[in-house]
């Protein structure tokens, strides 16, 4: 569940709000008179961007799902680089 805070609340305690957002990985909806925004940790935003990127590669999602459904014996313990 997304926590909601007013822009005034965030402004009064910005560093703690940022720390909490980064530690809990929970987005915060910041509401203002003109606009609303969502605060995310950079780590979470990077993960979202990566997911969006991978979802745009044709057949990537089905390939990942197929791999996840393979029995463990299908994977080799020895990987040669």
PDB file of N, CA and C in Angstrom:
ATOM      1  N   UNK A   1       0.843  -1.178   0.000  1.00  0.00           N
ATOM      2  CA  UNK A   1       0.000   0.000   0.000  1.00  0.00           C
ATOM      3  C   UNK A   1       0.887   1.239   0.000  1.00  0.00           C
ATOM      4  N   UNK A   2       0.509   2.195  -0.783  1.00  0.00           N
ATOM      5  CA  UNK A   2       1.286   3.423  -0.901  1.00  0.00           C
ATOM      6  C   UNK A   2       0.923   4.379   0.219  1.00  0.00           C
ATOM      7  N   UNK A   3       1.933   4.871   0.864  1.00  0.00           N
ATOM      8  CA  UNK A   3       1.746   5.878   1.908  1.00  0.00           C
ATOM      9  C   UNK A   3       1.524   7.228   1.236  1.00  0.00           C
ATOM     10  N   UNK A   4       0.640   8.058   1.785  1.00  0.00           N
ATOM     11  CA  UNK A   4       0.355   9.374   1.233  1.00  0.00           C
ATOM     12  C   UNK A   4       0.785  10.446   2.223  1.00  0.00           C
ATOM     13  N   UNK A   5       1.491  11.441   1.712  1.00  0.00           N
ATOM     14  CA  UNK A   5       1.931  12.574   2.522  1.00  0.00           C
ATOM     15  C   UNK A   5       1.714  13.849   1.718  1.00  0.00           C
ATOM     16  N   UNK A   6       1.452  14.936   2.422  1.00  0.00           N
ATOM     17  CA  UNK A   6       1.350  16.217   1.736  1.00  0.00           C
ATOM     18  C   UNK A   6       2.752  16.738   1.464  1.00  0.00           C
ATOM     19  N   UNK A   7       2.846  17.641   0.513  1.00  0.00           N
ATOM     20  CA  UNK A   7       4.143  18.226   0.196  1.00  0.00           C
ATOM     21  C   UNK A   7       4.712  18.944   1.419  1.00  0.00           C
ATOM     22  N   UNK A   8       3.860  19.530   2.248  1.00  0.00           N
ATOM     23  CA  UNK A   8       4.328  20.209   3.471  1.00  0.00           C
ATOM     24  C   UNK A   8       4.931  19.221   4.456  1.00  0.00           C
ATOM     25  N   UNK A   9       4.302  18.068   4.602  1.00  0.00           N
ATOM     26  CA  UNK A   9       4.838  17.041   5.501  1.00  0.00           C
ATOM     27  C   UNK A   9       6.200  16.559   5.016  1.00  0.00           C
ATOM     28  N   UNK A  10       6.314  16.339   3.721  1.00  0.00           N
ATOM     29  CA  UNK A  10       7.575  15.859   3.157  1.00  0.00           C
ATOM     30  C   UNK A  10       8.654  16.928   3.312  1.00  0.00           C
ATOM     31  N   UNK A  11       8.305  18.162   3.016  1.00  0.00           N
ATOM     32  CA  UNK A  11       9.276  19.261   3.103  1.00  0.00           C
ATOM     33  C   UNK A  11       9.831  19.387   4.517  1.00  0.00           C
ATOM     34  N   UNK A  12       8.995  19.180   5.509  1.00  0.00           N
ATOM     35  CA  UNK A  12       9.416  19.339   6.898  1.00  0.00           C
ATOM     36  C   UNK A  12      10.384  18.253   7.351  1.00  0.00           C
ATOM     37  N   UNK A  13      10.394  17.108   6.657  1.00  0.00           N
ATOM     38  CA  UNK A  13      11.207  15.982   7.111  1.00  0.00           C
ATOM     39  C   UNK A  13      11.800  15.223   5.923  1.00  0.00           C
ATOM     40  N   UNK A  14      12.254  15.938   4.911  1.00  0.00           N
ATOM     41  CA  UNK A  14      12.645  15.339   3.639  1.00  0.00           C
ATOM     42  C   UNK A  14      13.708  14.244   3.767  1.00  0.00           C
ATOM     43  N   UNK A  15      14.720  14.454   4.585  1.00  0.00           N
ATOM     44  CA  UNK A  15      15.789  13.450   4.672  1.00  0.00           C
ATOM     45  C   UNK A  15      15.293  12.150   5.290  1.00  0.00           C
ATOM     46  N   UNK A  16      14.462  12.238   6.310  1.00  0.00           N
ATOM     47  CA  UNK A  16      13.907  11.019   6.906  1.00  0.00           C
ATOM     48  C   UNK A  16      12.938  10.326   5.952  1.00  0.00           C
ATOM     49  N   UNK A  17      12.161  11.100   5.221  1.00  0.00           N
ATOM     50  CA  UNK A  17      11.238  10.518   4.244  1.00  0.00           C
ATOM     51  C   UNK A  17      12.021   9.786   3.158  1.00  0.00           C
ATOM     52  N   UNK A  18      13.091  10.397   2.688  1.00  0.00           N
ATOM     53  CA  UNK A  18      13.931   9.744   1.678  1.00  0.00           C
ATOM     54  C   UNK A  18      14.550   8.462   2.221  1.00  0.00           C
ATOM     55  N   UNK A  19      15.080   8.513   3.442  1.00  0.00           N
ATOM     56  CA  UNK A  19      15.682   7.325   4.046  1.00  0.00           C
ATOM     57  C   UNK A  19      14.657   6.208   4.199  1.00  0.00           C
ATOM     58  N   UNK A  20      13.461   6.555   4.666  1.00  0.00           N
ATOM     59  CA  UNK A  20      12.411   5.557   4.861  1.00  0.00           C
ATOM     60  C   UNK A  20      11.995   4.933   3.531  1.00  0.00           C
ATOM     61  N   UNK A  21      11.881   5.759   2.496  1.00  0.00           N
ATOM     62  CA  UNK A  21      11.503   5.261   1.180  1.00  0.00           C
ATOM     63  C   UNK A  21      12.548   4.283   0.646  1.00  0.00           C
ATOM     64  N   UNK A  22      13.813   4.608   0.825  1.00  0.00           N
ATOM     65  CA  UNK A  22      14.883   3.726   0.359  1.00  0.00           C
ATOM     66  C   UNK A  22      14.939   2.431   1.159  1.00  0.00           C
ATOM     67  N   UNK A  23      14.698   2.508   2.455  1.00  0.00           N
ATOM     68  CA  UNK A  23      14.801   1.319   3.311  1.00  0.00           C
ATOM     69  C   UNK A  23      13.609   0.383   3.169  1.00  0.00           C
ATOM     70  N   UNK A  24      12.407   0.932   3.058  1.00  0.00           N
ATOM     71  CA  UNK A  24      11.205   0.094   3.018  1.00  0.00           C
ATOM     72  C   UNK A  24      10.819  -0.345   1.610  1.00  0.00           C
ATOM     73  N   UNK A  25      11.367   0.332   0.605  1.00  0.00           N
ATOM     74  CA  UNK A  25      11.013   0.058  -0.794  1.00  0.00           C
ATOM     75  C   UNK A  25       9.519   0.265  -1.043  1.00  0.00           C
ATOM     76  N   UNK A  26       8.901   1.148  -0.255  1.00  0.00           N
ATOM     77  CA  UNK A  26       7.492   1.484  -0.433  1.00  0.00           C
ATOM     78  C   UNK A  26       7.405   2.881  -1.022  1.00  0.00           C
ATOM     79  N   UNK A  27       6.683   3.038  -2.123  1.00  0.00           N
ATOM     80  CA  UNK A  27       6.548   4.375  -2.705  1.00  0.00           C
ATOM     81  C   UNK A  27       5.724   5.284  -1.799  1.00  0.00           C
ATOM     82  N   UNK A  28       5.944   6.578  -1.926  1.00  0.00           N
ATOM     83  CA  UNK A  28       5.176   7.553  -1.174  1.00  0.00           C
ATOM     84  C   UNK A  28       4.503   8.485  -2.172  1.00  0.00           C
ATOM     85  N   UNK A  29       3.190   8.602  -2.064  1.00  0.00           N
ATOM     86  CA  UNK A  29       2.437   9.542  -2.875  1.00  0.00           C
ATOM     87  C   UNK A  29       2.505  10.896  -2.189  1.00  0.00           C
ATOM     88  N   UNK A  30       3.058  11.879  -2.883  1.00  0.00           N
ATOM     89  CA  UNK A  30       3.171  13.228  -2.336  1.00  0.00           C
ATOM     90  C   UNK A  30       2.120  14.085  -3.030  1.00  0.00           C
ATOM     91  N   UNK A  31       1.199  14.625  -2.225  1.00  0.00           N
ATOM     92  CA  UNK A  31       0.099  15.402  -2.780  1.00  0.00           C
ATOM     93  C   UNK A  31       0.350  16.887  -2.587  1.00  0.00           C
ATOM     94  N   UNK A  32       0.040  17.651  -3.614  1.00  0.00           N
ATOM     95  CA  UNK A  32       0.195  19.101  -3.567  1.00  0.00           C
ATOM     96  C   UNK A  32      -1.023  19.782  -4.158  1.00  0.00           C
ATOM     97  N   UNK A  33      -1.045  21.085  -4.085  1.00  0.00           N
ATOM     98  CA  UNK A  33      -2.179  21.849  -4.611  1.00  0.00           C
ATOM     99  C   UNK A  33      -2.248  21.772  -6.132  1.00  0.00           C
ATOM    100  N   UNK A  34      -1.100  21.721  -6.798  1.00  0.00           N
ATOM    101  CA  UNK A  34      -1.083  21.722  -8.267  1.00  0.00           C
ATOM    102  C   UNK A  34      -0.931  20.333  -8.861  1.00  0.00           C
ATOM    103  N   UNK A  35      -0.144  19.476  -8.232  1.00  0.00           N
ATOM    104  CA  UNK A  35       0.133  18.149  -8.788  1.00  0.00           C
ATOM    105  C   UNK A  35       0.410  17.157  -7.674  1.00  0.00           C
ATOM    106  N   UNK A  36       0.345  15.896  -8.027  1.00  0.00           N
ATOM    107  CA  UNK A  36       0.756  14.806  -7.152  1.00  0.00           C
ATOM    108  C   UNK A  36       1.927  14.092  -7.813  1.00  0.00           C
ATOM    109  N   UNK A  37       2.840  13.578  -7.000  1.00  0.00           N
ATOM    110  CA  UNK A  37       3.969  12.807  -7.517  1.00  0.00           C
ATOM    111  C   UNK A  37       4.186  11.595  -6.620  1.00  0.00           C
ATOM    112  N   UNK A  38       4.958  10.658  -7.131  1.00  0.00           N
ATOM    113  CA  UNK A  38       5.309   9.470  -6.350  1.00  0.00           C
ATOM    114  C   UNK A  38       6.807   9.465  -6.128  1.00  0.00           C
ATOM    115  N   UNK A  39       7.224   9.278  -4.881  1.00  0.00           N
ATOM    116  CA  UNK A  39       8.636   9.178  -4.543  1.00  0.00           C
ATOM    117  C   UNK A  39       9.000   7.696  -4.436  1.00  0.00           C
ATOM    118  N   UNK A  40      10.050   7.322  -5.158  1.00  0.00           N
ATOM    119  CA  UNK A  40      10.597   5.961  -5.128  1.00  0.00           C
ATOM    120  C   UNK A  40      12.079   6.045  -4.853  1.00  0.00           C
ATOM    121  N   UNK A  41      12.633   4.971  -4.308  1.00  0.00           N
ATOM    122  CA  UNK A  41      14.089   4.928  -4.192  1.00  0.00           C
ATOM    123  C   UNK A  41      14.669   4.751  -5.592  1.00  0.00           C
ATOM    124  N   UNK A  42      15.899   5.175  -5.779  1.00  0.00           N
ATOM    125  CA  UNK A  42      16.532   5.016  -7.089  1.00  0.00           C
ATOM    126  C   UNK A  42      16.657   3.537  -7.432  1.00  0.00           C
ATOM    127  N   UNK A  43      16.944   2.706  -6.448  1.00  0.00           N
ATOM    128  CA  UNK A  43      17.059   1.262  -6.682  1.00  0.00           C
ATOM    129  C   UNK A  43      15.751   0.701  -7.242  1.00  0.00           C
ATOM    130  N   UNK A  44      14.624   1.130  -6.663  1.00  0.00           N
ATOM    131  CA  UNK A  44      13.328   0.654  -7.148  1.00  0.00           C
ATOM    132  C   UNK A  44      13.028   1.184  -8.543  1.00  0.00           C
ATOM    133  N   UNK A  45      13.358   2.444  -8.799  1.00  0.00           N
ATOM    134  CA  UNK A  45      13.135   3.013 -10.128  1.00  0.00           C
ATOM    135  C   UNK A  45      13.981   2.279 -11.174  1.00  0.00           C
ATOM    136  N   UNK A  46      15.230   1.979 -10.836  1.00  0.00           N
ATOM    137  CA  UNK A  46      16.092   1.234 -11.768  1.00  0.00           C
ATOM    138  C   UNK A  46      15.488  -0.128 -12.092  1.00  0.00           C
ATOM    139  N   UNK A  47      14.920  -0.792 -11.086  1.00  0.00           N
ATOM    140  CA  UNK A  47      14.302  -2.101 -11.299  1.00  0.00           C
ATOM    141  C   UNK A  47      13.085  -1.982 -12.212  1.00  0.00           C
ATOM    142  N   UNK A  48      12.302  -0.942 -12.030  1.00  0.00           N
ATOM    143  CA  UNK A  48      11.130  -0.715 -12.884  1.00  0.00           C
ATOM    144  C   UNK A  48      11.576  -0.464 -14.320  1.00  0.00           C
ATOM    145  N   UNK A  49      12.584   0.376 -14.495  1.00  0.00           N
ATOM    146  CA  UNK A  49      13.077   0.649 -15.850  1.00  0.00           C
ATOM    147  C   UNK A  49      13.585  -0.622 -16.524  1.00  0.00           C
ATOM    148  N   UNK A  50      14.303  -1.463 -15.771  1.00  0.00           N
ATOM    149  CA  UNK A  50      14.820  -2.712 -16.338  1.00  0.00           C
ATOM    150  C   UNK A  50      13.670  -3.634 -16.745  1.00  0.00           C
ATOM    151  N   UNK A  51      12.647  -3.707 -15.901  1.00  0.00           N
ATOM    152  CA  UNK A  51      11.489  -4.538 -16.217  1.00  0.00           C
ATOM    153  C   UNK A  51      10.786  -4.038 -17.471  1.00  0.00           C
ATOM    154  N   UNK A  52      10.598  -2.730 -17.561  1.00  0.00           N
ATOM    155  CA  UNK A  52       9.962  -2.165 -18.759  1.00  0.00           C
ATOM    156  C   UNK A  52      10.793  -2.462 -20.004  1.00  0.00           C
ATOM    157  N   UNK A  53      12.104  -2.332 -19.885  1.00  0.00           N
ATOM    158  CA  UNK A  53      12.994  -2.611 -21.015  1.00  0.00           C
ATOM    159  C   UNK A  53      12.866  -4.074 -21.456  1.00  0.00           C
ATOM    160  N   UNK A  54      12.938  -4.991 -20.488  1.00  0.00           N
ATOM    161  CA  UNK A  54      12.865  -6.416 -20.826  1.00  0.00           C
ATOM    162  C   UNK A  54      11.506  -6.788 -21.401  1.00  0.00           C
ATOM    163  N   UNK A  55      10.448  -6.155 -20.921  1.00  0.00           N
ATOM    164  CA  UNK A  55       9.113  -6.435 -21.447  1.00  0.00           C
ATOM    165  C   UNK A  55       8.946  -5.960 -22.891  1.00  0.00           C
ATOM    166  N   UNK A  56       9.792  -5.051 -23.333  1.00  0.00           N
ATOM    167  CA  UNK A  56       9.709  -4.544 -24.700  1.00  0.00           C
ATOM    168  C   UNK A  56      10.512  -5.370 -25.702  1.00  0.00           C
ATOM    169  N   UNK A  57      11.293  -6.324 -25.228  1.00  0.00           N
ATOM    170  CA  UNK A  57      12.046  -7.205 -26.130  1.00  0.00           C
ATOM    171  C   UNK A  57      11.105  -8.327 -26.567  1.00  0.00           C
ATOM    172  N   UNK A  58      10.891  -8.489 -27.860  1.00  0.00           N
ATOM    173  CA  UNK A  58       9.977  -9.530 -28.334  1.00  0.00           C
ATOM    174  C   UNK A  58      10.334 -10.902 -27.766  1.00  0.00           C
ATOM    175  N   UNK A  59       9.354 -11.599 -27.260  1.00  0.00           N
ATOM    176  CA  UNK A  59       9.445 -12.968 -26.740  1.00  0.00           C
ATOM    177  C   UNK A  59      10.253 -13.095 -25.448  1.00  0.00           C
ATOM    178  N   UNK A  60      10.717 -11.996 -24.874  1.00  0.00           N
ATOM    179  CA  UNK A  60      11.528 -12.088 -23.652  1.00  0.00           C
ATOM    180  C   UNK A  60      10.709 -12.627 -22.479  1.00  0.00           C
ATOM    181  N   UNK A  61       9.510 -12.130 -22.290  1.00  0.00           N
ATOM    182  CA  UNK A  61       8.688 -12.558 -21.156  1.00  0.00           C
ATOM    183  C   UNK A  61       8.383 -14.049 -21.245  1.00  0.00           C
ATOM    184  N   UNK A  62       7.996 -14.512 -22.416  1.00  0.00           N
ATOM    185  CA  UNK A  62       7.680 -15.937 -22.554  1.00  0.00           C
ATOM    186  C   UNK A  62       8.928 -16.794 -22.373  1.00  0.00           C
ATOM    187  N   UNK A  63      10.080 -16.297 -22.803  1.00  0.00           N
ATOM    188  CA  UNK A  63      11.329 -17.028 -22.624  1.00  0.00           C
ATOM    189  C   UNK A  63      11.674 -17.172 -21.140  1.00  0.00           C
ATOM    190  N   UNK A  64      11.491 -16.099 -20.406  1.00  0.00           N
ATOM    191  CA  UNK A  64      11.759 -16.150 -18.959  1.00  0.00           C
ATOM    192  C   UNK A  64      10.786 -17.093 -18.274  1.00  0.00           C
ATOM    193  N   UNK A  65       9.503 -17.002 -18.639  1.00  0.00           N
ATOM    194  CA  UNK A  65       8.504 -17.885 -18.033  1.00  0.00           C
ATOM    195  C   UNK A  65       8.793 -19.347 -18.366  1.00  0.00           C
ATOM    196  N   UNK A  66       9.176 -19.626 -19.600  1.00  0.00           N
ATOM    197  CA  UNK A  66       9.515 -21.001 -19.986  1.00  0.00           C
ATOM    198  C   UNK A  66      10.696 -21.517 -19.167  1.00  0.00           C
ATOM    199  N   UNK A  67      11.700 -20.675 -18.983  1.00  0.00           N
ATOM    200  CA  UNK A  67      12.883 -21.074 -18.210  1.00  0.00           C
ATOM    201  C   UNK A  67      12.531 -21.346 -16.753  1.00  0.00           C
ATOM    202  N   UNK A  68      11.628 -20.558 -16.215  1.00  0.00           N
ATOM    203  CA  UNK A  68      11.230 -20.742 -14.812  1.00  0.00           C
ATOM    204  C   UNK A  68      10.469 -22.044 -14.618  1.00  0.00           C
ATOM    205  N   UNK A  69       9.830 -22.548 -15.672  1.00  0.00           N
ATOM    206  CA  UNK A  69       9.044 -23.781 -15.575  1.00  0.00           C
ATOM    207  C   UNK A  69       9.863 -25.035 -15.857  1.00  0.00           C
ATOM    208  N   UNK A  70      11.119 -24.877 -16.263  1.00  0.00           N
ATOM    209  CA  UNK A  70      11.981 -26.028 -16.536  1.00  0.00           C
ATOM    210  C   UNK A  70      12.390 -26.694 -15.223  1.00  0.00           C
ATOM    211  N   UNK A  71      12.491 -28.017 -15.225  1.00  0.00           N
ATOM    212  CA  UNK A  71      12.996 -28.697 -14.024  1.00  0.00           C
ATOM    213  C   UNK A  71      14.447 -28.297 -13.754  1.00  0.00           C
ATOM    214  N   UNK A  72      14.818 -28.304 -12.495  1.00  0.00           N
ATOM    215  CA  UNK A  72      16.183 -27.919 -12.118  1.00  0.00           C
ATOM    216  C   UNK A  72      17.236 -28.761 -12.816  1.00  0.00           C
ATOM    217  N   UNK A  73      16.916 -29.988 -13.136  1.00  0.00           N
ATOM    218  CA  UNK A  73      17.906 -30.861 -13.772  1.00  0.00           C
ATOM    219  C   UNK A  73      18.284 -30.380 -15.174  1.00  0.00           C
ATOM    220  N   UNK A  74      17.504 -29.494 -15.734  1.00  0.00           N
ATOM    221  CA  UNK A  74      17.806 -28.965 -17.064  1.00  0.00           C
ATOM    222  C   UNK A  74      18.965 -27.980 -17.051  1.00  0.00           C
ATOM    223  N   UNK A  75      19.320 -27.505 -15.862  1.00  0.00           N
ATOM    224  CA  UNK A  75      20.361 -26.505 -15.761  1.00  0.00           C
ATOM    225  C   UNK A  75      21.670 -27.139 -15.299  1.00  0.00           C
ATOM    226  N   UNK A  76      22.730 -26.717 -15.910  1.00  0.00           N
ATOM    227  CA  UNK A  76      24.038 -27.275 -15.601  1.00  0.00           C
ATOM    228  C   UNK A  76      24.661 -26.542 -14.412  1.00  0.00           C
ATOM    229  N   UNK A  77      25.321 -27.289 -13.567  1.00  0.00           N
ATOM    230  CA  UNK A  77      26.054 -26.697 -12.448  1.00  0.00           C
ATOM    231  C   UNK A  77      27.346 -26.066 -12.941  1.00  0.00           C
ATOM    232  N   UNK A  78      27.898 -26.608 -14.019  1.00  0.00           N
ATOM    233  CA  UNK A  78      29.167 -26.145 -14.553  1.00  0.00           C
ATOM    234  C   UNK A  78      28.923 -25.191 -15.721  1.00  0.00           C
ATOM    235  N   UNK A  79      29.298 -23.962 -15.509  1.00  0.00           N
ATOM    236  CA  UNK A  79      29.149 -22.969 -16.577  1.00  0.00           C
ATOM    237  C   UNK A  79      30.535 -22.597 -17.052  1.00  0.00           C
ATOM    238  N   UNK A  80      30.759 -22.736 -18.332  1.00  0.00           N
ATOM    239  CA  UNK A  80      32.041 -22.374 -18.891  1.00  0.00           C
ATOM    240  C   UNK A  80      31.930 -20.991 -19.524  1.00  0.00           C
ATOM    241  N   UNK A  81      32.732 -20.082 -19.058  1.00  0.00           N
ATOM    242  CA  UNK A  81      32.683 -18.721 -19.593  1.00  0.00           C
ATOM    243  C   UNK A  81      33.693 -18.621 -20.654  1.00  0.00           C
TER     244      UNK A  81
END
